[in-house]
Amino acid sequence: SFFSYVFLCGSFGYLVLFLGLLLCFVMSMRVFHPSGRGFMTGAAAVAAGLLGPRLSAVAQPAPETKKLQLKMAGYKFDRLAALVDGRVGVEGCDVSFELAAIGDMNTDVFSGPQSRDVTEIGLHPFMLAYANEGFRDYILLPVFPLRQFRHKSVFIRNDRGIKTPEDLRGKTIATPGYSSTSLTWIRGIFQDEYGVAPKDVQWIVARKDSAAKDAGQVSKQENILPEEITIKDGPEGMDESDLIEAGEVDALFHAAEPRAYVQRHPKVTRLFPDYRSTERAYFKKTGIFPIMHAVAIKRSTAQENPWLVRAVFDAYSQSKQMNYDDMAKYAWLFDSLPWYAQEFEETRELMGDNYYSYGIAPNHKTLQTLMRYSFEQGLAQRLLMVEELFHPASLDLVEETL
């Protein structure tokens, strides 16, 4: 009947209205996600209920890439401090940084268990292992954690008439090891700048080193002796300080300050008392800031992770930049030296803001000079070229933040 028809239409209208209100409620409500990862909208909840695990699987985030476990070693120099203490990381890596002495790091690489993926290394010992022994287990990165001018490293007896570098001709010089990086630099500088060649003096290699505890064990690459130079071993039981204190030698070449100088022996002084001025003049003339240590990476690790070369380089550079920033802003507040800020300013004025530069381009001359010294002094069996010692992917790396 007509009334029945009207009743059915009204009921249907109420049903549509009810379903519409219910849908709006479901769309606006938030329910807890069944996976336990927060809330989702009601519509998503309905869909999840209908589609079950299929929707849940789609909603899962991509798993995080597993980080490379990277073992590193080095000194905690101020320029490396942020890398050592974790303020700077190596991208994609979980880093374990071990503090170690250079002699121990050299030995670990050349004759030990090779326990580190990335390690500080003596630059000249690495060159000798590469040139003379065919060592290829590690390869260098153009990161140089330690650089030192070396005029400060010449000590003399002040009762032997030695006033200038040229006065060392014909004299006897002691040294605690012959082929370390620092001693190779000193001999090369004396030949280039003053015309005093290694053959112009008599050499005695001390059997002990008064500062050895700071450098760790000595690797064989630091005691290679050239055939054309007459070199004697020092007396049994005497270190280099004993030799110069006793007057057995006229001078001493030593990377560190020997005990005789530290204890202010009255007859042991520096050849260059104002070595700061001498070294500044040397840099102004040559542009060379001598490199002592480099960073080596295990070849197998680099081959398996080709992205790692750039990541390691960047980490060292970022750590150094943080150190630069600290020195410029407030390091003078915490350093005990009263004229620290002026020294920092004058160094940058002479050598540039990035005076501790990494990368091949700004250091090519310095690296090639040490390679020439090594060959000329009869230590390396052939003249090395810079590019062969460094990882190919590192040859064009440039510090981005500097």
Protein backbone atom coordinates (compact mmCIF):
# COMPACT_ATOMS: atom_id res chain seq x y z
CA SER A 1 0.00 0.00 0.00
CA PHE A 2 0.97 3.67 -0.25
CA PHE A 3 1.61 3.94 3.50
CA SER A 4 3.78 0.82 3.50
CA TYR A 5 5.88 2.28 0.67
CA VAL A 6 6.41 5.54 2.56
CA PHE A 7 7.43 3.61 5.69
CA LEU A 8 10.04 1.55 3.81
CA CYS A 9 11.54 4.65 2.17
CA GLY A 10 11.80 6.39 5.53
CA SER A 11 13.46 3.38 7.13
CA PHE A 12 15.97 3.18 4.29
CA GLY A 13 16.79 6.88 4.68
CA TYR A 14 17.43 6.48 8.39
CA LEU A 15 19.69 3.49 7.60
CA VAL A 16 21.73 5.52 5.07
CA LEU A 17 22.04 8.38 7.54
CA PHE A 18 23.22 6.00 10.28
CA LEU A 19 25.82 4.36 8.05
CA GLY A 20 27.10 7.77 6.99
CA LEU A 21 27.55 8.92 10.56
CA LEU A 22 29.30 5.64 11.44
CA LEU A 23 31.74 6.04 8.54
CA CYS A 24 32.63 9.60 9.59
CA PHE A 25 33.30 8.39 13.12
CA VAL A 26 35.57 5.57 11.93
CA MET A 27 37.49 7.90 9.61
CA SER A 28 38.22 10.37 12.41
CA MET A 29 39.10 8.00 15.22
CA ARG A 30 42.75 6.97 16.07
CA VAL A 31 43.48 3.47 17.27
CA PHE A 32 46.70 1.80 18.30
CA HIS A 33 48.54 0.05 15.47
CA PRO A 34 48.48 -3.74 15.90
CA SER A 35 52.23 -3.92 15.31
CA GLY A 36 52.84 -1.81 18.42
CA ARG A 37 54.39 1.09 16.48
CA GLY A 38 52.05 3.98 17.44
CA PHE A 39 48.60 5.05 16.27
CA MET A 40 46.80 4.98 12.91
CA THR A 41 43.54 6.38 11.62
CA GLY A 42 40.33 4.47 11.96
CA ALA A 43 40.14 3.94 8.19
CA ALA A 44 43.58 2.37 8.28
CA ALA A 45 42.48 0.24 11.21
CA VAL A 46 39.48 -1.02 9.25
CA ALA A 47 41.71 -1.71 6.26
CA ALA A 48 44.23 -3.48 8.45
CA GLY A 49 41.47 -5.63 9.86
CA LEU A 50 40.25 -6.52 6.36
CA LEU A 51 43.67 -7.04 4.77
CA GLY A 52 45.42 -8.49 7.83
CA PRO A 53 49.15 -9.13 7.68
CA ARG A 54 49.39 -7.97 4.05
CA LEU A 55 48.98 -4.28 5.03
CA SER A 56 51.10 -4.65 8.14
CA ALA A 57 54.01 -5.92 6.04
CA VAL A 58 53.81 -2.92 3.73
CA ALA A 59 53.82 -0.51 6.69
CA GLN A 60 57.09 -1.91 8.14
CA PRO A 61 60.04 0.56 7.82
CA ALA A 62 63.09 -0.55 5.81
CA PRO A 63 65.66 -2.26 8.05
CA GLU A 64 68.70 -0.10 8.92
CA THR A 65 71.87 -1.03 7.00
CA LYS A 66 74.35 -2.82 9.24
CA LYS A 67 77.38 -0.67 10.06
CA LEU A 68 80.92 -1.76 9.28
CA GLN A 69 82.91 -2.61 12.40
CA LEU A 70 86.06 -0.53 11.95
CA LYS A 71 89.18 -0.86 14.11
CA MET A 72 91.43 2.21 14.14
CA ALA A 73 94.61 3.20 15.97
CA GLY A 74 96.63 6.34 16.55
CA TYR A 75 97.70 9.01 19.00
CA LYS A 76 95.19 11.36 20.61
CA PHE A 77 96.62 14.50 19.07
CA ASP A 78 94.43 17.59 19.47
CA ARG A 79 93.57 17.38 15.77
CA LEU A 80 92.41 13.78 16.20
CA ALA A 81 90.68 14.16 19.56
CA ALA A 82 87.13 14.46 18.19
CA LEU A 83 87.61 11.27 16.17
CA VAL A 84 89.15 9.40 19.10
CA ASP A 85 86.43 10.33 21.60
CA GLY A 86 83.55 9.80 19.15
CA ARG A 87 82.39 13.37 18.57
CA VAL A 88 83.24 12.73 14.92
CA GLY A 89 82.41 9.37 13.40
CA VAL A 90 83.29 7.57 10.20
CA GLU A 91 80.11 7.47 8.12
CA GLY A 92 78.68 3.97 7.84
CA CYS A 93 80.98 2.58 10.52
CA ASP A 94 80.95 1.58 14.15
CA VAL A 95 84.45 2.73 15.16
CA SER A 96 86.70 1.24 17.81
CA PHE A 97 89.71 3.56 18.26
CA GLU A 98 92.77 2.25 20.09
CA LEU A 99 95.48 4.57 21.40
CA ALA A 100 98.96 3.27 20.58
CA ALA A 101 102.59 4.34 20.13
CA ILE A 102 104.04 4.71 16.64
CA GLY A 103 106.61 1.92 17.03
CA ASP A 104 103.91 -0.50 18.12
CA MET A 105 101.62 0.57 15.26
CA ASN A 106 104.44 0.07 12.74
CA THR A 107 105.21 -3.37 14.10
CA ASP A 108 101.54 -4.41 14.06
CA VAL A 109 101.35 -3.54 10.36
CA PHE A 110 104.68 -4.82 9.06
CA SER A 111 105.32 -7.95 11.14
CA GLY A 112 102.44 -8.29 13.60
CA PRO A 113 98.82 -9.47 13.46
CA GLN A 114 97.63 -6.48 11.37
CA SER A 115 94.79 -6.05 13.84
CA ARG A 116 93.61 -2.59 12.68
CA ASP A 117 91.72 -1.67 9.54
CA VAL A 118 92.94 1.92 9.65
CA THR A 119 96.09 2.96 11.49
CA GLU A 120 98.57 5.75 11.92
CA ILE A 121 101.92 4.73 10.44
CA GLY A 122 105.46 6.05 10.20
CA LEU A 123 105.71 7.51 6.68
CA HIS A 124 109.31 6.56 5.94
CA PRO A 125 109.11 3.03 7.41
CA PHE A 126 106.08 2.48 5.15
CA MET A 127 108.04 3.76 2.16
CA LEU A 128 110.91 1.39 2.91
CA ALA A 129 108.62 -1.61 3.39
CA TYR A 130 106.93 -0.80 0.08
CA ALA A 131 110.11 -0.16 -1.92
CA ASN A 132 112.44 -2.77 -0.44
CA GLU A 133 110.18 -5.60 0.73
CA GLY A 134 107.23 -5.50 -1.66
CA PHE A 135 104.86 -4.81 1.22
CA ARG A 136 101.32 -4.34 -0.12
CA ASP A 137 98.97 -5.40 2.71
CA TYR A 138 98.14 -1.77 3.50
CA ILE A 139 98.00 1.36 1.36
CA LEU A 140 98.24 5.01 2.41
CA LEU A 141 95.59 7.71 2.63
CA PRO A 142 96.69 11.38 2.32
CA VAL A 143 96.02 12.10 5.99
CA PHE A 144 99.05 13.24 7.99
CA PRO A 145 98.47 13.17 11.77
CA LEU A 146 101.99 14.28 12.70
CA ARG A 147 104.22 16.89 11.09
CA GLN A 148 107.29 18.50 12.65
CA PHE A 149 109.97 20.92 11.60
CA ARG A 150 113.31 19.29 12.39
CA HIS A 151 115.91 21.99 13.03
CA LYS A 152 114.95 21.68 16.69
CA SER A 153 116.14 18.06 16.65
CA VAL A 154 119.89 18.72 16.43
CA PHE A 155 121.83 18.76 19.72
CA ILE A 156 125.53 19.47 20.13
CA ARG A 157 128.36 19.52 22.62
CA ASN A 158 129.03 23.20 23.20
CA ASP A 159 132.76 22.57 23.77
CA ARG A 160 133.56 21.24 20.28
CA GLY A 161 133.63 24.48 18.30
CA ILE A 162 130.32 23.83 16.56
CA LYS A 163 128.60 27.12 15.75
CA THR A 164 126.99 26.47 12.35
CA PRO A 165 125.63 23.42 10.50
CA GLU A 166 128.75 23.40 8.31
CA ASP A 167 130.88 22.86 11.42
CA LEU A 168 129.49 19.33 11.67
CA ARG A 169 131.67 18.14 8.77
CA GLY A 170 134.15 15.60 10.08
CA LYS A 171 132.38 15.33 13.43
CA THR A 172 130.82 12.26 15.06
CA ILE A 173 127.04 12.20 15.37
CA ALA A 174 125.02 9.76 17.45
CA THR A 175 121.48 8.74 16.62
CA PRO A 176 119.04 6.26 18.19
CA GLY A 177 118.24 4.44 14.95
CA TYR A 178 119.14 5.56 11.45
CA SER A 179 116.26 5.31 9.00
CA SER A 180 113.27 6.68 10.91
CA THR A 181 111.23 9.40 9.23
CA SER A 182 112.57 12.22 11.39
CA LEU A 183 116.24 11.32 10.98
CA THR A 184 115.86 10.92 7.23
CA TRP A 185 114.37 14.43 7.11
CA ILE A 186 117.20 15.92 9.20
CA ARG A 187 119.95 14.45 7.01
CA GLY A 188 118.14 15.55 3.85
CA ILE A 189 117.64 19.10 5.12
CA PHE A 190 121.32 19.36 6.10
CA GLN A 191 122.42 18.25 2.65
CA ASP A 192 119.96 20.49 0.78
CA GLU A 193 120.27 23.61 2.92
CA TYR A 194 123.85 23.48 4.25
CA GLY A 195 125.74 21.15 1.94
CA VAL A 196 126.51 18.64 4.70
CA ALA A 197 125.97 15.14 3.29
CA PRO A 198 125.65 11.96 5.36
CA LYS A 199 129.09 10.83 4.11
CA ASP A 200 130.67 13.99 5.55
CA VAL A 201 130.29 12.83 9.16
CA GLN A 202 130.89 9.70 11.24
CA TRP A 203 127.79 7.97 12.57
CA ILE A 204 127.21 5.99 15.73
CA VAL A 205 123.87 4.25 16.25
CA ALA A 206 123.10 3.99 19.94
CA ARG A 207 121.96 0.62 21.21
CA LYS A 208 119.33 2.28 23.42
CA ASP A 209 117.10 5.36 23.20
CA SER A 210 116.56 7.55 26.26
CA ALA A 211 113.09 8.51 24.93
CA ALA A 212 112.05 5.09 23.60
CA LYS A 213 109.20 4.60 26.08
CA ASP A 214 107.23 7.31 24.31
CA ALA A 215 107.56 5.73 20.87
CA GLY A 216 107.06 2.02 21.57
CA GLN A 217 109.10 -0.76 20.00
CA VAL A 218 111.33 -0.02 17.02
CA SER A 219 110.50 -1.70 13.71
CA LYS A 220 113.27 -3.02 11.48
CA GLN A 221 112.40 -0.38 8.86
CA GLU A 222 113.77 2.24 11.27
CA ASN A 223 117.20 0.60 11.47
CA ILE A 224 118.13 0.13 7.82
CA LEU A 225 121.77 1.15 7.24
CA PRO A 226 123.08 2.22 3.83
CA GLU A 227 126.07 0.27 2.54
CA GLU A 228 128.10 3.26 1.34
CA ILE A 229 128.11 5.03 4.73
CA THR A 230 130.34 3.94 7.60
CA ILE A 231 128.14 3.51 10.66
CA LYS A 232 129.23 2.03 13.97
CA ASP A 233 127.17 0.58 16.77
CA GLY A 234 127.40 2.41 20.07
CA PRO A 235 128.97 0.78 23.13
CA GLU A 236 126.88 -1.84 24.89
CA GLY A 237 124.62 -0.44 27.58
CA MET A 238 124.90 3.22 26.49
CA ASP A 239 122.02 5.21 25.08
CA GLU A 240 122.41 8.33 22.91
CA SER A 241 122.35 10.63 25.95
CA ASP A 242 125.12 8.65 27.62
CA LEU A 243 127.22 9.06 24.47
CA ILE A 244 126.94 12.84 24.24
CA GLU A 245 127.23 13.37 28.00
CA ALA A 246 130.40 11.29 28.10
CA GLY A 247 131.87 13.18 25.14
CA GLU A 248 131.97 10.06 22.95
CA VAL A 249 130.22 12.04 20.19
CA ASP A 250 130.12 15.68 19.12
CA ALA A 251 126.43 15.94 18.26
CA LEU A 252 123.15 14.12 18.41
CA PHE A 253 120.25 13.86 15.93
CA HIS A 254 117.09 12.90 17.82
CA ALA A 255 113.39 13.26 17.04
CA ALA A 256 112.56 13.74 20.72
CA GLU A 257 114.37 15.75 23.35
CA PRO A 258 117.03 13.39 24.74
CA ARG A 259 117.49 12.96 28.44
CA ALA A 260 120.74 14.94 28.42
CA TYR A 261 118.90 18.03 27.14
CA VAL A 262 115.78 17.55 29.28
CA GLN A 263 117.94 17.40 32.38
CA ARG A 264 119.89 20.48 31.23
CA HIS A 265 123.34 18.96 30.99
CA PRO A 266 125.66 22.03 30.93
CA LYS A 267 127.53 20.91 27.80
CA VAL A 268 124.51 19.81 25.73
CA THR A 269 122.64 22.52 23.79
CA ARG A 270 120.70 22.91 20.56
CA LEU A 271 122.57 23.76 17.36
CA PHE A 272 119.78 26.24 16.58
CA PRO A 273 118.90 27.99 19.87
CA ASP A 274 116.22 30.10 18.16
CA TYR A 275 114.92 27.17 16.13
CA ARG A 276 111.50 28.81 15.71
CA SER A 277 113.00 31.56 13.55
CA THR A 278 115.14 29.05 11.63
CA GLU A 279 112.19 26.78 10.93
CA ARG A 280 109.94 29.66 9.89
CA ALA A 281 112.62 30.81 7.44
CA TYR A 282 112.93 27.26 6.12
CA PHE A 283 109.17 27.08 5.47
CA LYS A 284 109.12 30.51 3.85
CA LYS A 285 111.92 29.40 1.50
CA THR A 286 110.76 25.85 0.67
CA GLY A 287 107.04 25.65 1.49
CA ILE A 288 107.77 22.32 3.20
CA PHE A 289 106.18 21.33 6.50
CA PRO A 290 107.83 17.90 7.05
CA ILE A 291 105.46 14.95 7.36
CA MET A 292 106.26 12.29 9.97
CA HIS A 293 103.17 10.06 10.08
CA ALA A 294 100.49 9.09 7.57
CA VAL A 295 97.34 6.96 7.79
CA ALA A 296 97.22 3.49 6.26
CA ILE A 297 94.18 1.40 5.40
CA LYS A 298 94.14 -2.35 4.98
CA ARG A 299 93.84 -3.13 1.25
CA SER A 300 91.32 -5.91 1.74
CA THR A 301 89.07 -3.67 3.83
CA ALA A 302 89.21 -0.90 1.22
CA GLN A 303 88.50 -3.34 -1.61
CA GLU A 304 85.44 -4.75 0.15
CA ASN A 305 84.17 -1.26 1.06
CA PRO A 306 85.20 1.17 -1.69
CA TRP A 307 83.22 4.02 -0.08
CA LEU A 308 85.39 3.80 3.02
CA VAL A 309 88.37 5.72 1.60
CA ARG A 310 86.35 8.95 1.35
CA ALA A 311 84.57 8.34 4.66
CA VAL A 312 87.83 7.93 6.59
CA PHE A 313 89.43 10.95 4.92
CA ASP A 314 86.40 13.11 5.75
CA ALA A 315 86.37 11.96 9.38
CA TYR A 316 89.99 12.95 9.94
CA SER A 317 89.39 16.27 8.21
CA GLN A 318 86.27 17.05 10.25
CA SER A 319 88.08 16.26 13.50
CA LYS A 320 90.90 18.61 12.52
CA GLN A 321 88.42 21.35 11.61
CA MET A 322 86.87 21.09 15.07
CA ASN A 323 90.35 21.56 16.53
CA TYR A 324 90.96 24.63 14.35
CA ASP A 325 87.65 26.07 15.54
CA ASP A 326 88.53 25.43 19.17
CA MET A 327 91.93 27.07 18.81
CA ALA A 328 90.44 30.13 17.16
CA LYS A 329 87.62 30.59 19.66
CA TYR A 330 88.78 29.74 23.15
CA ALA A 331 91.68 27.27 23.35
CA TRP A 332 93.92 30.06 24.62
CA LEU A 333 91.76 30.15 27.75
CA PHE A 334 92.65 26.57 28.61
CA ASP A 335 96.25 26.35 27.39
CA SER A 336 99.00 27.15 29.87
CA LEU A 337 101.14 29.03 27.34
CA PRO A 338 100.65 32.77 27.90
CA TRP A 339 101.00 33.77 24.21
CA TYR A 340 99.14 30.84 22.69
CA ALA A 341 96.70 33.03 20.73
CA GLN A 342 99.47 35.06 19.13
CA GLU A 343 101.35 31.91 18.11
CA PHE A 344 98.21 30.53 16.47
CA GLU A 345 97.60 33.79 14.62
CA GLU A 346 101.20 34.09 13.41
CA THR A 347 101.25 30.46 12.25
CA ARG A 348 98.17 30.99 10.10
CA GLU A 349 99.59 34.22 8.73
CA LEU A 350 102.76 32.43 7.57
CA MET A 351 101.42 29.00 6.60
CA GLY A 352 97.76 29.59 5.79
CA ASP A 353 94.55 28.74 7.63
CA ASN A 354 94.81 25.04 6.80
CA TYR A 355 98.48 24.69 7.69
CA TYR A 356 97.98 21.04 8.69
CA SER A 357 96.61 20.15 5.26
CA TYR A 358 95.50 16.72 4.08
CA GLY A 359 95.25 15.56 0.48
CA ILE A 360 97.86 14.94 -2.23
CA ALA A 361 97.80 18.28 -4.07
CA PRO A 362 98.94 20.56 -1.21
CA ASN A 363 101.50 17.99 -0.02
CA HIS A 364 102.97 16.60 -3.24
CA LYS A 365 106.26 18.53 -2.97
CA THR A 366 106.75 17.54 0.66
CA LEU A 367 106.06 13.87 -0.05
CA GLN A 368 108.29 13.75 -3.12
CA THR A 369 111.10 15.46 -1.19
CA LEU A 370 111.15 12.74 1.46
CA MET A 371 111.11 10.08 -1.26
CA ARG A 372 114.11 11.75 -2.89
CA TYR A 373 115.95 11.90 0.45
CA SER A 374 115.32 8.21 1.06
CA PHE A 375 116.75 7.24 -2.33
CA GLU A 376 119.70 9.65 -2.17
CA GLN A 377 120.65 8.39 1.28
CA GLY A 378 120.77 4.78 0.08
CA LEU A 379 117.74 3.68 2.10
CA ALA A 380 115.01 3.04 -0.51
CA GLN A 381 116.23 0.78 -3.31
CA ARG A 382 114.44 2.88 -5.92
CA LEU A 383 112.98 6.34 -6.20
CA LEU A 384 109.30 6.10 -5.29
CA MET A 385 106.56 8.21 -6.82
CA VAL A 386 103.84 9.72 -4.67
CA GLU A 387 100.91 8.24 -6.58
CA GLU A 388 101.99 4.62 -6.14
CA LEU A 389 101.89 4.74 -2.33
CA PHE A 390 98.37 6.15 -1.96
CA HIS A 391 95.02 4.54 -2.65
CA PRO A 392 93.85 5.48 -6.18
CA ALA A 393 90.50 6.70 -4.83
CA SER A 394 92.31 9.12 -2.51
CA LEU A 395 94.51 10.90 -5.05
CA ASP A 396 91.98 13.63 -5.83
CA LEU A 397 90.38 13.98 -2.42
CA VAL A 398 89.99 17.56 -1.23
CA GLU A 399 89.03 18.73 2.23
CA GLU A 400 85.49 20.02 1.86
CA THR A 401 85.16 21.99 5.07
CA LEU A 402 88.36 24.00 4.78
